[in-house]
Amino acid sequence: MRAWKATIVPRYGAPVEVVDVAEPDLRARDVMISVRAASLNPLDYKIRDGKVKLVIRLKAPVRLGCDVAGVVTKIGPEVTRFAIGDEVFARLEKDRMGGLAEFAAADEAVVAKKPTNISFEEAASIPLAGLTSLQALRESAGLTKGQRVLVHAGAGGVGSLAIQIAKQLGLWVATTTSTKNIELVKSLGADEVVDYTKDKLADRLKDLDAVFDPLGGPSELGSLALVKRGGTVVGVGGLPDAAFAKQRLPVVRRSRDLARDPQAPRCRRACRREVRLPVHAPRWRGARRARRVARVRRDEGDHPQDVPARRRSRGVRRARARAPRAERSS
């Protein structure tokens, strides 16, 4: 078997390397994708730094990248949905990441045909951010038509897709952004926009049915005060520590692994509805530099590039908001 280039991390915390790797054996339901574009996510640098190793257990050397778009070059004997030459996009399974490479193999269940109205770069920006938003709003928060939700960081890669998906679900949507992006998030469908550089959320919003927070930290904690009793805060920015879980989370749940569900077609349906994609596509040759930019601009959108690069899905946790004990006793 011939070798091809792939981006790896030889050990946690080590510099990224581009090496020759052997072509993997194709499983019965696999498709082999010649990668034309891939995207970087905050998850990629967290994996490299070892920040999620308790949740995502990977053996060194670790391959990075979980969102890809490209052309099918081979198919397994049991593949029924794809043929050689099909243009596709995918979010790779968590135990088979490695989209920052010339080729990637994936089960056909996590692959979808690329819509003809978008580029490979645009397609590569969708899977993780789109599925994260869909799962958070519809599955974890369980929102239905007419309910009210706040989406933090509405101009970011996840937030910009979450606003549009929320509107397709029939929700009333508020979002946070900076002054320069107010018109952008309005054009995506936001019903109310809070400029976090000028306004306090607590003065503008209250009694929400849910908050979707891609940021984590203080933003997630502050969101608990914005939902009504019994409301839901969905966070994807990190894992709650023991103190937070004990005080605030009557329910802590790891969401179903999207990589093992045939959800890729949902991304395609969203594209058919002309979802707008905030894609930055610099013509960089170095995966190291792209990774550094992904860290700096983590909330400003995805960073697809021509070089093999990819993404991965985030676990979503759900917190049912409840009042602090002092309030309940009063």
C-alpha atoms as a PDB file:
ATOM      1  CA  MET A   1       0.000   0.000   0.000  1.00  0.00           C
ATOM      2  CA  ARG A   2       1.232   3.457  -0.824  1.00  0.00           C
ATOM      3  CA  ALA A   3       1.925   6.055   1.836  1.00  0.00           C
ATOM      4  CA  TRP A   4       0.365   9.499   2.073  1.00  0.00           C
ATOM      5  CA  LYS A   5       0.896  12.646   4.119  1.00  0.00           C
ATOM      6  CA  ALA A   6      -0.901  13.249   7.404  1.00  0.00           C
ATOM      7  CA  THR A   7      -0.638  15.698  10.299  1.00  0.00           C
ATOM      8  CA  ILE A   8       0.052  14.097  13.677  1.00  0.00           C
ATOM      9  CA  VAL A   9       1.003  14.937  17.241  1.00  0.00           C
ATOM     10  CA  PRO A  10       3.598  12.388  18.421  1.00  0.00           C
ATOM     11  CA  ARG A  11       2.640  12.979  22.058  1.00  0.00           C
ATOM     12  CA  TYR A  12       0.475  15.400  24.030  1.00  0.00           C
ATOM     13  CA  GLY A  13       1.948  18.894  24.016  1.00  0.00           C
ATOM     14  CA  ALA A  14       4.447  18.144  21.238  1.00  0.00           C
ATOM     15  CA  PRO A  15       4.734  20.210  18.040  1.00  0.00           C
ATOM     16  CA  VAL A  16       2.575  19.188  15.091  1.00  0.00           C
ATOM     17  CA  GLU A  17       4.374  17.073  12.485  1.00  0.00           C
ATOM     18  CA  VAL A  18       3.590  16.144   8.881  1.00  0.00           C
ATOM     19  CA  VAL A  19       4.610  12.533   8.251  1.00  0.00           C
ATOM     20  CA  ASP A  20       4.089   9.654   5.848  1.00  0.00           C
ATOM     21  CA  VAL A  21       1.417   7.189   7.021  1.00  0.00           C
ATOM     22  CA  ALA A  22       0.213   3.907   5.579  1.00  0.00           C
ATOM     23  CA  GLU A  23      -3.135   3.813   3.824  1.00  0.00           C
ATOM     24  CA  PRO A  24      -5.653   2.131   6.171  1.00  0.00           C
ATOM     25  CA  ASP A  25      -7.563  -0.994   5.293  1.00  0.00           C
ATOM     26  CA  LEU A  26     -11.029  -0.173   4.007  1.00  0.00           C
ATOM     27  CA  ARG A  27     -13.831  -1.660   6.100  1.00  0.00           C
ATOM     28  CA  ALA A  28     -16.944  -3.107   4.499  1.00  0.00           C
ATOM     29  CA  ARG A  29     -19.027   0.072   4.927  1.00  0.00           C
ATOM     30  CA  ASP A  30     -16.191   2.579   4.490  1.00  0.00           C
ATOM     31  CA  VAL A  31     -15.572   5.186   1.846  1.00  0.00           C
ATOM     32  CA  MET A  32     -12.098   6.560   1.114  1.00  0.00           C
ATOM     33  CA  ILE A  33     -12.093  10.322   0.652  1.00  0.00           C
ATOM     34  CA  SER A  34      -9.442  12.294  -1.196  1.00  0.00           C
ATOM     35  CA  VAL A  35      -9.402  15.387   1.036  1.00  0.00           C
ATOM     36  CA  ARG A  36      -9.803  18.680  -0.839  1.00  0.00           C
ATOM     37  CA  ALA A  37     -10.462  20.829   2.252  1.00  0.00           C
ATOM     38  CA  ALA A  38     -10.612  20.377   6.014  1.00  0.00           C
ATOM     39  CA  SER A  39     -11.313  22.615   8.978  1.00  0.00           C
ATOM     40  CA  LEU A  40      -9.735  23.225  12.361  1.00  0.00           C
ATOM     41  CA  ASN A  41     -11.735  23.470  15.572  1.00  0.00           C
ATOM     42  CA  PRO A  42     -10.859  24.421  19.139  1.00  0.00           C
ATOM     43  CA  LEU A  43     -11.108  20.684  19.799  1.00  0.00           C
ATOM     44  CA  ASP A  44      -7.995  20.100  17.703  1.00  0.00           C
ATOM     45  CA  TYR A  45      -5.715  22.210  19.866  1.00  0.00           C
ATOM     46  CA  LYS A  46      -7.367  20.856  23.023  1.00  0.00           C
ATOM     47  CA  ILE A  47      -6.556  17.331  21.842  1.00  0.00           C
ATOM     48  CA  ARG A  48      -2.991  18.369  21.034  1.00  0.00           C
ATOM     49  CA  ASP A  49      -2.588  19.922  24.497  1.00  0.00           C
ATOM     50  CA  GLY A  50      -4.131  16.889  26.239  1.00  0.00           C
ATOM     51  CA  LYS A  51      -7.027  18.889  27.668  1.00  0.00           C
ATOM     52  CA  VAL A  52      -9.709  16.356  26.716  1.00  0.00           C
ATOM     53  CA  LYS A  53      -7.793  13.108  27.155  1.00  0.00           C
ATOM     54  CA  LEU A  54     -10.082  12.027  30.008  1.00  0.00           C
ATOM     55  CA  VAL A  55     -13.035  12.175  27.614  1.00  0.00           C
ATOM     56  CA  ILE A  56     -11.460  11.276  24.281  1.00  0.00           C
ATOM     57  CA  ARG A  57      -8.921   8.505  24.742  1.00  0.00           C
ATOM     58  CA  LEU A  58      -6.505   8.348  21.837  1.00  0.00           C
ATOM     59  CA  LYS A  59      -3.255   6.473  21.375  1.00  0.00           C
ATOM     60  CA  ALA A  60      -0.127   8.329  20.304  1.00  0.00           C
ATOM     61  CA  PRO A  61       0.680   9.406  17.697  1.00  0.00           C
ATOM     62  CA  VAL A  62      -2.600  11.310  17.524  1.00  0.00           C
ATOM     63  CA  ARG A  63      -4.021  12.387  14.163  1.00  0.00           C
ATOM     64  CA  LEU A  64      -5.819  15.722  14.094  1.00  0.00           C
ATOM     65  CA  GLY A  65      -8.838  16.973  12.194  1.00  0.00           C
ATOM     66  CA  CYS A  66     -12.398  15.722  12.076  1.00  0.00           C
ATOM     67  CA  ASP A  67     -14.199  17.784   9.389  1.00  0.00           C
ATOM     68  CA  VAL A  68     -13.379  17.042   5.768  1.00  0.00           C
ATOM     69  CA  ALA A  69     -14.707  17.539   2.261  1.00  0.00           C
ATOM     70  CA  GLY A  70     -13.449  15.793  -0.836  1.00  0.00           C
ATOM     71  CA  VAL A  71     -14.008  13.152  -3.498  1.00  0.00           C
ATOM     72  CA  VAL A  72     -14.696   9.432  -2.991  1.00  0.00           C
ATOM     73  CA  THR A  73     -11.855   7.331  -4.426  1.00  0.00           C
ATOM     74  CA  LYS A  74     -12.724   3.867  -3.040  1.00  0.00           C
ATOM     75  CA  ILE A  75     -15.741   2.182  -1.457  1.00  0.00           C
ATOM     76  CA  GLY A  76     -16.177  -0.926   0.680  1.00  0.00           C
ATOM     77  CA  PRO A  77     -18.209  -3.910  -0.572  1.00  0.00           C
ATOM     78  CA  GLU A  78     -21.255  -3.049   1.576  1.00  0.00           C
ATOM     79  CA  VAL A  79     -21.447   0.661   0.733  1.00  0.00           C
ATOM     80  CA  THR A  80     -24.800   1.525  -0.862  1.00  0.00           C
ATOM     81  CA  ARG A  81     -25.074   5.332  -0.763  1.00  0.00           C
ATOM     82  CA  PHE A  82     -21.920   6.435  -2.562  1.00  0.00           C
ATOM     83  CA  ALA A  83     -19.942   5.767  -5.717  1.00  0.00           C
ATOM     84  CA  ILE A  84     -16.401   6.564  -6.788  1.00  0.00           C
ATOM     85  CA  GLY A  85     -16.239  10.185  -7.919  1.00  0.00           C
ATOM     86  CA  ASP A  86     -18.953  11.495  -5.561  1.00  0.00           C
ATOM     87  CA  GLU A  87     -18.201  14.826  -3.899  1.00  0.00           C
ATOM     88  CA  VAL A  88     -18.824  14.436  -0.163  1.00  0.00           C
ATOM     89  CA  PHE A  89     -18.271  15.937   3.278  1.00  0.00           C
ATOM     90  CA  ALA A  90     -18.097  14.293   6.686  1.00  0.00           C
ATOM     91  CA  ARG A  91     -17.381  14.528  10.375  1.00  0.00           C
ATOM     92  CA  LEU A  92     -15.073  11.628  11.100  1.00  0.00           C
ATOM     93  CA  GLU A  93     -15.740   9.211  13.925  1.00  0.00           C
ATOM     94  CA  LYS A  94     -13.933  10.104  17.138  1.00  0.00           C
ATOM     95  CA  ASP A  95     -11.746   6.992  17.078  1.00  0.00           C
ATOM     96  CA  ARG A  96     -10.856   7.549  13.403  1.00  0.00           C
ATOM     97  CA  MET A  97      -9.968  11.230  13.324  1.00  0.00           C
ATOM     98  CA  GLY A  98      -7.272  12.364  10.946  1.00  0.00           C
ATOM     99  CA  GLY A  99      -8.797  14.750   8.466  1.00  0.00           C
ATOM    100  CA  LEU A 100      -5.568  16.775   8.251  1.00  0.00           C
ATOM    101  CA  ALA A 101      -4.279  14.360   5.660  1.00  0.00           C
ATOM    102  CA  GLU A 102      -4.343  13.653   1.963  1.00  0.00           C
ATOM    103  CA  PHE A 103      -6.956  10.922   2.442  1.00  0.00           C
ATOM    104  CA  ALA A 104      -9.463   9.954   5.123  1.00  0.00           C
ATOM    105  CA  ALA A 105     -11.541   6.808   5.596  1.00  0.00           C
ATOM    106  CA  ALA A 106     -14.997   6.964   7.187  1.00  0.00           C
ATOM    107  CA  ASP A 107     -18.094   4.842   7.637  1.00  0.00           C
ATOM    108  CA  GLU A 108     -20.717   5.856   5.082  1.00  0.00           C
ATOM    109  CA  ALA A 109     -23.128   6.633   7.949  1.00  0.00           C
ATOM    110  CA  VAL A 110     -21.174   9.801   8.825  1.00  0.00           C
ATOM    111  CA  VAL A 111     -20.723  10.957   5.223  1.00  0.00           C
ATOM    112  CA  ALA A 112     -23.072  13.050   3.077  1.00  0.00           C
ATOM    113  CA  LYS A 113     -22.979  14.218  -0.525  1.00  0.00           C
ATOM    114  CA  LYS A 114     -21.726  17.774  -0.856  1.00  0.00           C
ATOM    115  CA  PRO A 115     -24.391  20.171  -2.093  1.00  0.00           C
ATOM    116  CA  THR A 116     -23.518  21.513  -5.511  1.00  0.00           C
ATOM    117  CA  ASN A 117     -24.084  25.128  -4.445  1.00  0.00           C
ATOM    118  CA  ILE A 118     -21.163  25.254  -1.994  1.00  0.00           C
ATOM    119  CA  SER A 119     -17.394  24.844  -2.305  1.00  0.00           C
ATOM    120  CA  PHE A 120     -15.238  22.183  -0.679  1.00  0.00           C
ATOM    121  CA  GLU A 121     -13.988  24.803   1.791  1.00  0.00           C
ATOM    122  CA  GLU A 122     -17.526  25.769   2.764  1.00  0.00           C
ATOM    123  CA  ALA A 123     -18.567  22.136   3.095  1.00  0.00           C
ATOM    124  CA  ALA A 124     -15.607  21.384   5.369  1.00  0.00           C
ATOM    125  CA  SER A 125     -16.691  24.165   7.732  1.00  0.00           C
ATOM    126  CA  ILE A 126     -20.093  22.604   8.441  1.00  0.00           C
ATOM    127  CA  PRO A 127     -20.036  19.158  10.095  1.00  0.00           C
ATOM    128  CA  LEU A 128     -18.852  19.719  13.672  1.00  0.00           C
ATOM    129  CA  ALA A 129     -20.332  23.188  14.134  1.00  0.00           C
ATOM    130  CA  GLY A 130     -23.598  22.290  12.419  1.00  0.00           C
ATOM    131  CA  LEU A 131     -24.158  18.998  14.222  1.00  0.00           C
ATOM    132  CA  THR A 132     -23.150  20.550  17.554  1.00  0.00           C
ATOM    133  CA  SER A 133     -25.775  23.276  17.096  1.00  0.00           C
ATOM    134  CA  LEU A 134     -28.497  20.903  15.947  1.00  0.00           C
ATOM    135  CA  GLN A 135     -27.851  18.478  18.780  1.00  0.00           C
ATOM    136  CA  ALA A 136     -27.714  21.222  21.402  1.00  0.00           C
ATOM    137  CA  LEU A 137     -30.962  22.913  20.373  1.00  0.00           C
ATOM    138  CA  ARG A 138     -33.181  20.020  19.359  1.00  0.00           C
ATOM    139  CA  GLU A 139     -31.864  17.037  21.285  1.00  0.00           C
ATOM    140  CA  SER A 140     -30.160  18.300  24.446  1.00  0.00           C
ATOM    141  CA  ALA A 141     -32.374  21.338  25.097  1.00  0.00           C
ATOM    142  CA  GLY A 142     -35.453  19.718  23.553  1.00  0.00           C
ATOM    143  CA  LEU A 143     -36.720  23.028  22.202  1.00  0.00           C
ATOM    144  CA  THR A 144     -39.895  23.267  20.159  1.00  0.00           C
ATOM    145  CA  LYS A 145     -41.514  25.899  17.971  1.00  0.00           C
ATOM    146  CA  GLY A 146     -42.250  29.201  19.712  1.00  0.00           C
ATOM    147  CA  GLN A 147     -39.773  28.822  22.580  1.00  0.00           C
ATOM    148  CA  ARG A 148     -37.113  31.424  23.403  1.00  0.00           C
ATOM    149  CA  VAL A 149     -33.379  30.727  23.275  1.00  0.00           C
ATOM    150  CA  LEU A 150     -30.188  32.745  23.688  1.00  0.00           C
ATOM    151  CA  VAL A 151     -27.214  31.762  21.516  1.00  0.00           C
ATOM    152  CA  HIS A 152     -23.925  33.147  22.782  1.00  0.00           C
ATOM    153  CA  ALA A 153     -21.229  34.269  20.307  1.00  0.00           C
ATOM    154  CA  GLY A 154     -23.613  34.544  17.385  1.00  0.00           C
ATOM    155  CA  ALA A 155     -20.916  35.613  14.916  1.00  0.00           C
ATOM    156  CA  GLY A 156     -18.749  32.566  15.609  1.00  0.00           C
ATOM    157  CA  GLY A 157     -18.589  29.337  13.653  1.00  0.00           C
ATOM    158  CA  VAL A 158     -20.989  27.487  15.955  1.00  0.00           C
ATOM    159  CA  GLY A 159     -23.128  30.472  16.881  1.00  0.00           C
ATOM    160  CA  SER A 160     -23.769  31.618  13.321  1.00  0.00           C
ATOM    161  CA  LEU A 161     -25.071  28.179  12.373  1.00  0.00           C
ATOM    162  CA  ALA A 162     -27.017  27.833  15.641  1.00  0.00           C
ATOM    163  CA  ILE A 163     -28.958  31.047  14.943  1.00  0.00           C
ATOM    164  CA  GLN A 164     -30.041  29.810  11.525  1.00  0.00           C
ATOM    165  CA  ILE A 165     -30.900  26.314  12.737  1.00  0.00           C
ATOM    166  CA  ALA A 166     -32.893  27.792  15.620  1.00  0.00           C
ATOM    167  CA  LYS A 167     -34.942  29.891  13.205  1.00  0.00           C
ATOM    168  CA  GLN A 168     -35.607  26.807  11.054  1.00  0.00           C
ATOM    169  CA  LEU A 169     -36.909  25.119  14.217  1.00  0.00           C
ATOM    170  CA  GLY A 170     -39.320  28.033  14.740  1.00  0.00           C
ATOM    171  CA  LEU A 171     -37.594  29.492  17.806  1.00  0.00           C
ATOM    172  CA  TRP A 172     -37.309  33.094  18.993  1.00  0.00           C
ATOM    173  CA  VAL A 173     -33.567  33.786  19.052  1.00  0.00           C
ATOM    174  CA  ALA A 174     -31.451  36.271  20.957  1.00  0.00           C
ATOM    175  CA  THR A 175     -27.692  36.388  20.554  1.00  0.00           C
ATOM    176  CA  THR A 176     -24.587  38.141  21.829  1.00  0.00           C
ATOM    177  CA  THR A 177     -21.912  39.727  19.657  1.00  0.00           C
ATOM    178  CA  SER A 178     -19.629  42.750  19.435  1.00  0.00           C
ATOM    179  CA  THR A 179     -20.606  46.038  17.831  1.00  0.00           C
ATOM    180  CA  LYS A 180     -18.952  45.273  14.488  1.00  0.00           C
ATOM    181  CA  ASN A 181     -20.994  42.080  13.980  1.00  0.00           C
ATOM    182  CA  ILE A 182     -24.479  43.318  14.907  1.00  0.00           C
ATOM    183  CA  GLU A 183     -25.679  43.594  11.314  1.00  0.00           C
ATOM    184  CA  LEU A 184     -24.246  40.165  10.497  1.00  0.00           C
ATOM    185  CA  VAL A 185     -26.180  38.333  13.217  1.00  0.00           C
ATOM    186  CA  LYS A 186     -29.338  40.255  12.359  1.00  0.00           C
ATOM    187  CA  SER A 187     -28.985  39.094   8.766  1.00  0.00           C
ATOM    188  CA  LEU A 188     -28.731  35.500  10.039  1.00  0.00           C
ATOM    189  CA  GLY A 189     -32.136  35.850  11.680  1.00  0.00           C
ATOM    190  CA  ALA A 190     -31.531  36.948  15.277  1.00  0.00           C
ATOM    191  CA  ASP A 191     -34.644  38.514  16.804  1.00  0.00           C
ATOM    192  CA  GLU A 192     -32.718  40.387  19.499  1.00  0.00           C
ATOM    193  CA  VAL A 193     -29.028  41.270  19.618  1.00  0.00           C
ATOM    194  CA  VAL A 194     -27.079  42.114  22.771  1.00  0.00           C
ATOM    195  CA  ASP A 195     -23.807  43.978  22.257  1.00  0.00           C
ATOM    196  CA  TYR A 196     -21.652  42.497  24.996  1.00  0.00           C
ATOM    197  CA  THR A 197     -19.254  45.453  24.820  1.00  0.00           C
ATOM    198  CA  LYS A 198     -22.010  47.840  25.919  1.00  0.00           C
ATOM    199  CA  ASP A 199     -24.944  45.995  27.485  1.00  0.00           C
ATOM    200  CA  LYS A 200     -25.484  43.615  30.378  1.00  0.00           C
ATOM    201  CA  LEU A 201     -27.363  40.463  29.509  1.00  0.00           C
ATOM    202  CA  ALA A 202     -29.333  40.531  32.755  1.00  0.00           C
ATOM    203  CA  ASP A 203     -30.758  43.940  31.815  1.00  0.00           C
ATOM    204  CA  ARG A 204     -31.994  42.723  28.430  1.00  0.00           C
ATOM    205  CA  LEU A 205     -33.013  39.083  28.836  1.00  0.00           C
ATOM    206  CA  LYS A 206     -34.731  36.913  31.411  1.00  0.00           C
ATOM    207  CA  ASP A 207     -37.034  33.892  31.720  1.00  0.00           C
ATOM    208  CA  LEU A 208     -35.613  32.195  28.637  1.00  0.00           C
ATOM    209  CA  ASP A 209     -36.446  28.591  27.845  1.00  0.00           C
ATOM    210  CA  ALA A 210     -32.826  27.781  27.065  1.00  0.00           C
ATOM    211  CA  VAL A 211     -29.337  29.157  26.538  1.00  0.00           C
ATOM    212  CA  PHE A 212     -26.806  27.621  24.165  1.00  0.00           C
ATOM    213  CA  ASP A 213     -23.277  28.600  25.183  1.00  0.00           C
ATOM    214  CA  PRO A 214     -20.272  27.580  23.031  1.00  0.00           C
ATOM    215  CA  LEU A 215     -17.873  29.626  25.185  1.00  0.00           C
ATOM    216  CA  GLY A 216     -17.882  28.044  28.652  1.00  0.00           C
ATOM    217  CA  GLY A 217     -16.486  29.501  31.863  1.00  0.00           C
ATOM    218  CA  PRO A 218     -18.097  32.686  33.253  1.00  0.00           C
ATOM    219  CA  SER A 219     -20.434  32.920  30.267  1.00  0.00           C
ATOM    220  CA  GLU A 220     -21.939  29.537  31.034  1.00  0.00           C
ATOM    221  CA  LEU A 221     -22.289  30.253  34.749  1.00  0.00           C
ATOM    222  CA  GLY A 222     -23.958  33.601  34.055  1.00  0.00           C
ATOM    223  CA  SER A 223     -26.419  31.915  31.715  1.00  0.00           C
ATOM    224  CA  LEU A 224     -28.009  30.042  34.600  1.00  0.00           C
ATOM    225  CA  ALA A 225     -29.560  33.282  35.828  1.00  0.00           C
ATOM    226  CA  LEU A 226     -31.156  34.012  32.436  1.00  0.00           C
ATOM    227  CA  VAL A 227     -33.373  30.951  32.094  1.00  0.00           C
ATOM    228  CA  LYS A 228     -36.689  30.452  33.810  1.00  0.00           C
ATOM    229  CA  ARG A 229     -37.082  27.825  36.505  1.00  0.00           C
ATOM    230  CA  GLY A 230     -36.775  24.455  34.804  1.00  0.00           C
ATOM    231  CA  GLY A 231     -35.013  26.009  31.815  1.00  0.00           C
ATOM    232  CA  THR A 232     -31.970  24.494  30.147  1.00  0.00           C
ATOM    233  CA  VAL A 233     -28.393  25.675  29.678  1.00  0.00           C
ATOM    234  CA  VAL A 234     -26.418  23.702  27.099  1.00  0.00           C
ATOM    235  CA  GLY A 235     -22.656  24.217  27.185  1.00  0.00           C
ATOM    236  CA  VAL A 236     -19.939  22.853  24.919  1.00  0.00           C
ATOM    237  CA  GLY A 237     -16.976  24.925  26.101  1.00  0.00           C
ATOM    238  CA  GLY A 238     -15.609  22.412  28.591  1.00  0.00           C
ATOM    239  CA  LEU A 239     -16.429  19.973  31.340  1.00  0.00           C
ATOM    240  CA  PRO A 240     -17.958  21.084  34.665  1.00  0.00           C
ATOM    241  CA  ASP A 241     -15.693  20.714  37.682  1.00  0.00           C
ATOM    242  CA  ALA A 242     -16.826  18.810  40.770  1.00  0.00           C
ATOM    243  CA  ALA A 243     -17.951  21.914  42.686  1.00  0.00           C
ATOM    244  CA  PHE A 244     -20.038  23.189  39.781  1.00  0.00           C
ATOM    245  CA  ALA A 245     -21.647  19.812  39.250  1.00  0.00           C
ATOM    246  CA  LYS A 246     -22.490  19.390  42.925  1.00  0.00           C
ATOM    247  CA  GLN A 247     -24.039  22.835  43.301  1.00  0.00           C
ATOM    248  CA  ARG A 248     -25.699  23.452  39.969  1.00  0.00           C
ATOM    249  CA  LEU A 249     -26.286  20.329  37.945  1.00  0.00           C
ATOM    250  CA  PRO A 250     -29.056  17.984  38.998  1.00  0.00           C
ATOM    251  CA  VAL A 251     -28.463  16.384  35.582  1.00  0.00           C
ATOM    252  CA  VAL A 252     -25.113  15.986  33.840  1.00  0.00           C
ATOM    253  CA  ARG A 253     -25.358  14.078  30.596  1.00  0.00           C
ATOM    254  CA  ARG A 254     -22.976  13.221  27.802  1.00  0.00           C
ATOM    255  CA  SER A 255     -24.935  13.513  24.620  1.00  0.00           C
ATOM    256  CA  ARG A 256     -25.204  10.686  22.134  1.00  0.00           C
ATOM    257  CA  ASP A 257     -22.132  10.360  19.931  1.00  0.00           C
ATOM    258  CA  LEU A 258     -23.108  11.922  16.644  1.00  0.00           C
ATOM    259  CA  ALA A 259     -20.290  10.123  14.873  1.00  0.00           C
ATOM    260  CA  ARG A 260     -22.105   6.853  15.283  1.00  0.00           C
ATOM    261  CA  ASP A 261     -25.466   8.100  14.123  1.00  0.00           C
ATOM    262  CA  PRO A 262     -26.416   8.591  10.463  1.00  0.00           C
ATOM    263  CA  GLN A 263     -26.849  12.334  10.932  1.00  0.00           C
ATOM    264  CA  ALA A 264     -24.681  13.582   8.084  1.00  0.00           C
ATOM    265  CA  PRO A 265     -27.701  13.952   5.763  1.00  0.00           C
ATOM    266  CA  ARG A 266     -29.068  16.599   8.161  1.00  0.00           C
ATOM    267  CA  CYS A 267     -26.176  18.870   7.236  1.00  0.00           C
ATOM    268  CA  ARG A 268     -27.043  18.467   3.569  1.00  0.00           C
ATOM    269  CA  ARG A 269     -30.690  19.364   4.209  1.00  0.00           C
ATOM    270  CA  ALA A 270     -29.580  22.485   6.060  1.00  0.00           C
ATOM    271  CA  CYS A 271     -27.419  23.516   3.097  1.00  0.00           C
ATOM    272  CA  ARG A 272     -30.365  23.160   0.758  1.00  0.00           C
ATOM    273  CA  ARG A 273     -32.081  25.822   2.868  1.00  0.00           C
ATOM    274  CA  GLU A 274     -29.247  28.201   2.070  1.00  0.00           C
ATOM    275  CA  VAL A 275     -27.579  28.321   5.467  1.00  0.00           C
ATOM    276  CA  ARG A 276     -24.868  30.983   5.362  1.00  0.00           C
ATOM    277  CA  LEU A 277     -21.351  29.801   6.146  1.00  0.00           C
ATOM    278  CA  PRO A 278     -18.806  32.115   7.845  1.00  0.00           C
ATOM    279  CA  VAL A 279     -15.739  30.670   6.127  1.00  0.00           C
ATOM    280  CA  HIS A 280     -12.205  32.038   6.379  1.00  0.00           C
ATOM    281  CA  ALA A 281     -10.061  30.221   3.796  1.00  0.00           C
ATOM    282  CA  PRO A 282      -6.458  31.459   3.915  1.00  0.00           C
ATOM    283  CA  ARG A 283      -4.050  29.789   1.501  1.00  0.00           C
ATOM    284  CA  TRP A 284      -1.661  28.516   4.151  1.00  0.00           C
ATOM    285  CA  ARG A 285       0.635  25.576   3.700  1.00  0.00           C
ATOM    286  CA  GLY A 286       1.517  25.028   7.369  1.00  0.00           C
ATOM    287  CA  ALA A 287      -0.832  23.182   9.708  1.00  0.00           C
ATOM    288  CA  ARG A 288       1.095  24.608  12.669  1.00  0.00           C
ATOM    289  CA  ARG A 289       0.231  28.180  11.743  1.00  0.00           C
ATOM    290  CA  ALA A 290      -3.405  27.318  11.097  1.00  0.00           C
ATOM    291  CA  ARG A 291      -3.605  25.696  14.517  1.00  0.00           C
ATOM    292  CA  ARG A 292      -2.237  28.828  16.179  1.00  0.00           C
ATOM    293  CA  VAL A 293      -4.844  30.977  14.428  1.00  0.00           C
ATOM    294  CA  ALA A 294      -7.602  28.574  15.438  1.00  0.00           C
ATOM    295  CA  ARG A 295      -6.610  29.166  19.063  1.00  0.00           C
ATOM    296  CA  VAL A 296      -6.618  32.944  18.725  1.00  0.00           C
ATOM    297  CA  ARG A 297      -9.845  33.206  16.703  1.00  0.00           C
ATOM    298  CA  ARG A 298     -11.776  30.371  18.305  1.00  0.00           C
ATOM    299  CA  ASP A 299     -15.070  32.310  18.355  1.00  0.00           C
ATOM    300  CA  GLU A 300     -14.841  33.965  14.941  1.00  0.00           C
ATOM    301  CA  GLY A 301     -15.659  31.046  12.702  1.00  0.00           C
ATOM    302  CA  ASP A 302     -14.028  28.036  11.134  1.00  0.00           C
ATOM    303  CA  HIS A 303     -10.725  27.946   9.347  1.00  0.00           C
ATOM    304  CA  PRO A 304     -10.838  25.566   6.409  1.00  0.00           C
ATOM    305  CA  GLN A 305      -7.755  25.290   4.273  1.00  0.00           C
ATOM    306  CA  ASP A 306      -6.617  23.474   1.154  1.00  0.00           C
ATOM    307  CA  VAL A 307      -4.141  21.380   3.109  1.00  0.00           C
ATOM    308  CA  PRO A 308      -5.705  18.283   4.723  1.00  0.00           C
ATOM    309  CA  ALA A 309      -7.287  19.498   7.937  1.00  0.00           C
ATOM    310  CA  ARG A 310     -10.298  18.469   9.884  1.00  0.00           C
ATOM    311  CA  ARG A 311     -12.565  18.498  12.890  1.00  0.00           C
ATOM    312  CA  ARG A 312     -14.343  16.677  15.510  1.00  0.00           C
ATOM    313  CA  SER A 313     -17.481  16.601  17.489  1.00  0.00           C
ATOM    314  CA  ARG A 314     -17.933  18.066  20.868  1.00  0.00           C
ATOM    315  CA  GLY A 315     -19.731  16.369  23.674  1.00  0.00           C
ATOM    316  CA  VAL A 316     -22.703  18.420  24.786  1.00  0.00           C
ATOM    317  CA  ARG A 317     -23.711  18.624  28.397  1.00  0.00           C
ATOM    318  CA  ARG A 318     -27.052  19.745  29.672  1.00  0.00           C
ATOM    319  CA  ALA A 319     -27.750  21.626  32.878  1.00  0.00           C
ATOM    320  CA  ARG A 320     -31.240  22.129  34.136  1.00  0.00           C
ATOM    321  CA  ALA A 321     -31.157  25.481  35.870  1.00  0.00           C
ATOM    322  CA  ARG A 322     -32.331  25.717  39.407  1.00  0.00           C
ATOM    323  CA  ALA A 323     -32.251  28.512  41.934  1.00  0.00           C
ATOM    324  CA  PRO A 324     -29.442  28.614  44.504  1.00  0.00           C
ATOM    325  CA  ARG A 325     -30.344  27.038  47.827  1.00  0.00           C
ATOM    326  CA  ALA A 326     -30.543  30.405  49.572  1.00  0.00           C
ATOM    327  CA  GLU A 327     -33.255  31.530  47.166  1.00  0.00           C
ATOM    328  CA  ARG A 328     -35.231  28.319  47.481  1.00  0.00           C
ATOM    329  CA  SER A 329     -35.295  28.566  51.268  1.00  0.00           C
ATOM    330  CA  SER A 330     -36.521  32.168  51.249  1.00  0.00           C
END
